[in-house]
């Protein structure tokens, strides 16, 4: 009888260990898949950030170019008007 109980307990223990190892393996696999998904999302986010940075940089470059063009157009007018102002004072 005691041998039968030990045999049953051994079988139950082995079955429990197999079940527990299966549960742990499944959990580890799920964690790995989640980590992989997080990494994919982080990569996508970095791509979007890079594109945004490039667009913003180009936008600022165009604004600077426009400002330079406006200043180059305004500079002769300001110079001429200040020259006229000086000429009027001397006359």
C-alpha atoms as a PDB file:
ATOM      1  CA  UNK A   1       0.000   0.000   0.000  1.00  0.00           C
ATOM      2  CA  UNK A   2       2.799   2.418   0.921  1.00  0.00           C
ATOM      3  CA  UNK A   3       4.543   1.636  -2.355  1.00  0.00           C
ATOM      4  CA  UNK A   4       1.332   2.435  -4.225  1.00  0.00           C
ATOM      5  CA  UNK A   5       1.001   5.822  -2.456  1.00  0.00           C
ATOM      6  CA  UNK A   6       4.617   6.677  -3.205  1.00  0.00           C
ATOM      7  CA  UNK A   7       4.123   5.697  -6.849  1.00  0.00           C
ATOM      8  CA  UNK A   8       0.993   7.853  -7.141  1.00  0.00           C
ATOM      9  CA  UNK A   9       2.716  10.799  -5.419  1.00  0.00           C
ATOM     10  CA  UNK A  10       5.686  10.406  -7.763  1.00  0.00           C
ATOM     11  CA  UNK A  11       3.443  10.401 -10.828  1.00  0.00           C
ATOM     12  CA  UNK A  12       1.534  13.445  -9.536  1.00  0.00           C
ATOM     13  CA  UNK A  13       4.809  15.243  -8.777  1.00  0.00           C
ATOM     14  CA  UNK A  14       6.232  14.551 -12.236  1.00  0.00           C
ATOM     15  CA  UNK A  15       2.989  15.615 -13.892  1.00  0.00           C
ATOM     16  CA  UNK A  16       2.936  18.812 -11.819  1.00  0.00           C
ATOM     17  CA  UNK A  17       6.538  19.599 -12.724  1.00  0.00           C
ATOM     18  CA  UNK A  18       5.809  19.101 -16.413  1.00  0.00           C
ATOM     19  CA  UNK A  19       2.748  21.354 -16.148  1.00  0.00           C
ATOM     20  CA  UNK A  20       4.656  24.023 -14.233  1.00  0.00           C
ATOM     21  CA  UNK A  21       7.530  23.951 -16.719  1.00  0.00           C
ATOM     22  CA  UNK A  22       4.997  24.304 -19.553  1.00  0.00           C
ATOM     23  CA  UNK A  23       3.388  27.288 -17.834  1.00  0.00           C
ATOM     24  CA  UNK A  24       6.777  28.920 -17.242  1.00  0.00           C
ATOM     25  CA  UNK A  25       7.836  28.300 -20.852  1.00  0.00           C
ATOM     26  CA  UNK A  26       4.585  29.782 -22.158  1.00  0.00           C
ATOM     27  CA  UNK A  27       5.046  32.819 -19.916  1.00  0.00           C
ATOM     28  CA  UNK A  28       8.623  33.345 -21.109  1.00  0.00           C
ATOM     29  CA  UNK A  29       7.518  33.046 -24.747  1.00  0.00           C
ATOM     30  CA  UNK A  30       4.757  35.622 -24.207  1.00  0.00           C
ATOM     31  CA  UNK A  31       7.231  37.985 -22.540  1.00  0.00           C
ATOM     32  CA  UNK A  32       9.643  37.581 -25.451  1.00  0.00           C
ATOM     33  CA  UNK A  33       6.898  38.348 -27.959  1.00  0.00           C
ATOM     34  CA  UNK A  34       5.867  41.434 -25.978  1.00  0.00           C
ATOM     35  CA  UNK A  35       9.473  42.653 -25.810  1.00  0.00           C
ATOM     36  CA  UNK A  36       9.814  42.136 -29.552  1.00  0.00           C
ATOM     37  CA  UNK A  37       6.622  44.129 -30.158  1.00  0.00           C
ATOM     38  CA  UNK A  38       7.876  46.933 -27.895  1.00  0.00           C
ATOM     39  CA  UNK A  39      11.169  47.047 -29.810  1.00  0.00           C
ATOM     40  CA  UNK A  40       9.323  47.217 -33.136  1.00  0.00           C
ATOM     41  CA  UNK A  41       7.209  50.106 -31.845  1.00  0.00           C
ATOM     42  CA  UNK A  42      10.297  51.917 -30.532  1.00  0.00           C
ATOM     43  CA  UNK A  43      11.989  51.543 -33.922  1.00  0.00           C
ATOM     44  CA  UNK A  44       8.884  52.908 -35.657  1.00  0.00           C
ATOM     45  CA  UNK A  45       8.779  55.815 -33.199  1.00  0.00           C
ATOM     46  CA  UNK A  46      12.431  56.625 -33.897  1.00  0.00           C
ATOM     47  CA  UNK A  47      11.740  56.582 -37.644  1.00  0.00           C
ATOM     48  CA  UNK A  48       8.862  59.023 -37.140  1.00  0.00           C
ATOM     49  CA  UNK A  49      11.035  61.246 -34.932  1.00  0.00           C
ATOM     50  CA  UNK A  50      13.766  61.261 -37.573  1.00  0.00           C
ATOM     51  CA  UNK A  51      11.295  62.178 -40.325  1.00  0.00           C
ATOM     52  CA  UNK A  52       9.854  64.919 -38.139  1.00  0.00           C
ATOM     53  CA  UNK A  53      13.337  66.264 -37.423  1.00  0.00           C
ATOM     54  CA  UNK A  54      14.188  66.304 -41.130  1.00  0.00           C
ATOM     55  CA  UNK A  55      10.932  68.079 -41.998  1.00  0.00           C
ATOM     56  CA  UNK A  56      11.395  70.639 -39.220  1.00  0.00           C
ATOM     57  CA  UNK A  57      15.007  71.254 -40.253  1.00  0.00           C
ATOM     58  CA  UNK A  58      13.967  71.792 -43.869  1.00  0.00           C
ATOM     59  CA  UNK A  59      11.191  74.129 -42.759  1.00  0.00           C
ATOM     60  CA  UNK A  60      13.626  76.204 -40.695  1.00  0.00           C
ATOM     61  CA  UNK A  61      16.116  76.266 -43.574  1.00  0.00           C
ATOM     62  CA  UNK A  62      13.409  77.620 -45.883  1.00  0.00           C
ATOM     63  CA  UNK A  63      12.389  80.231 -43.305  1.00  0.00           C
ATOM     64  CA  UNK A  64      16.006  81.350 -42.969  1.00  0.00           C
ATOM     65  CA  UNK A  65      16.349  81.542 -46.742  1.00  0.00           C
ATOM     66  CA  UNK A  66      13.165  83.621 -46.997  1.00  0.00           C
ATOM     67  CA  UNK A  67      14.384  85.939 -44.262  1.00  0.00           C
ATOM     68  CA  UNK A  68      17.724  86.368 -46.022  1.00  0.00           C
ATOM     69  CA  UNK A  69      15.961  87.172 -49.279  1.00  0.00           C
ATOM     70  CA  UNK A  70      13.707  89.699 -47.559  1.00  0.00           C
ATOM     71  CA  UNK A  71      16.681  91.300 -45.867  1.00  0.00           C
ATOM     72  CA  UNK A  72      18.598  91.490 -49.122  1.00  0.00           C
ATOM     73  CA  UNK A  73      15.572  93.109 -50.786  1.00  0.00           C
ATOM     74  CA  UNK A  74      15.006  95.483 -47.876  1.00  0.00           C
ATOM     75  CA  UNK A  75      18.641  96.472 -47.461  1.00  0.00           C
ATOM     76  CA  UNK A  76      18.961  98.628 -50.624  1.00  0.00           C
ATOM     77  CA  UNK A  77      15.673 100.366 -49.849  1.00  0.00           C
ATOM     78  CA  UNK A  78      16.773 101.201 -46.327  1.00  0.00           C
ATOM     79  CA  UNK A  79      20.169 102.304 -47.537  1.00  0.00           C
ATOM     80  CA  UNK A  80      18.622 104.537 -50.206  1.00  0.00           C
ATOM     81  CA  UNK A  81      16.112 106.089 -47.841  1.00  0.00           C
ATOM     82  CA  UNK A  82      18.783 106.805 -45.240  1.00  0.00           C
ATOM     83  CA  UNK A  83      20.989 108.282 -47.966  1.00  0.00           C
ATOM     84  CA  UNK A  84      18.076 110.513 -49.031  1.00  0.00           C
ATOM     85  CA  UNK A  85      17.584 111.560 -45.433  1.00  0.00           C
ATOM     86  CA  UNK A  86      21.255 112.528 -45.180  1.00  0.00           C
ATOM     87  CA  UNK A  87      21.072 114.413 -48.495  1.00  0.00           C
ATOM     88  CA  UNK A  88      18.031 116.372 -47.321  1.00  0.00           C
ATOM     89  CA  UNK A  89      19.803 117.442 -44.127  1.00  0.00           C
ATOM     90  CA  UNK A  90      22.859 118.659 -45.976  1.00  0.00           C
ATOM     91  CA  UNK A  91      20.781 120.747 -48.384  1.00  0.00           C
END
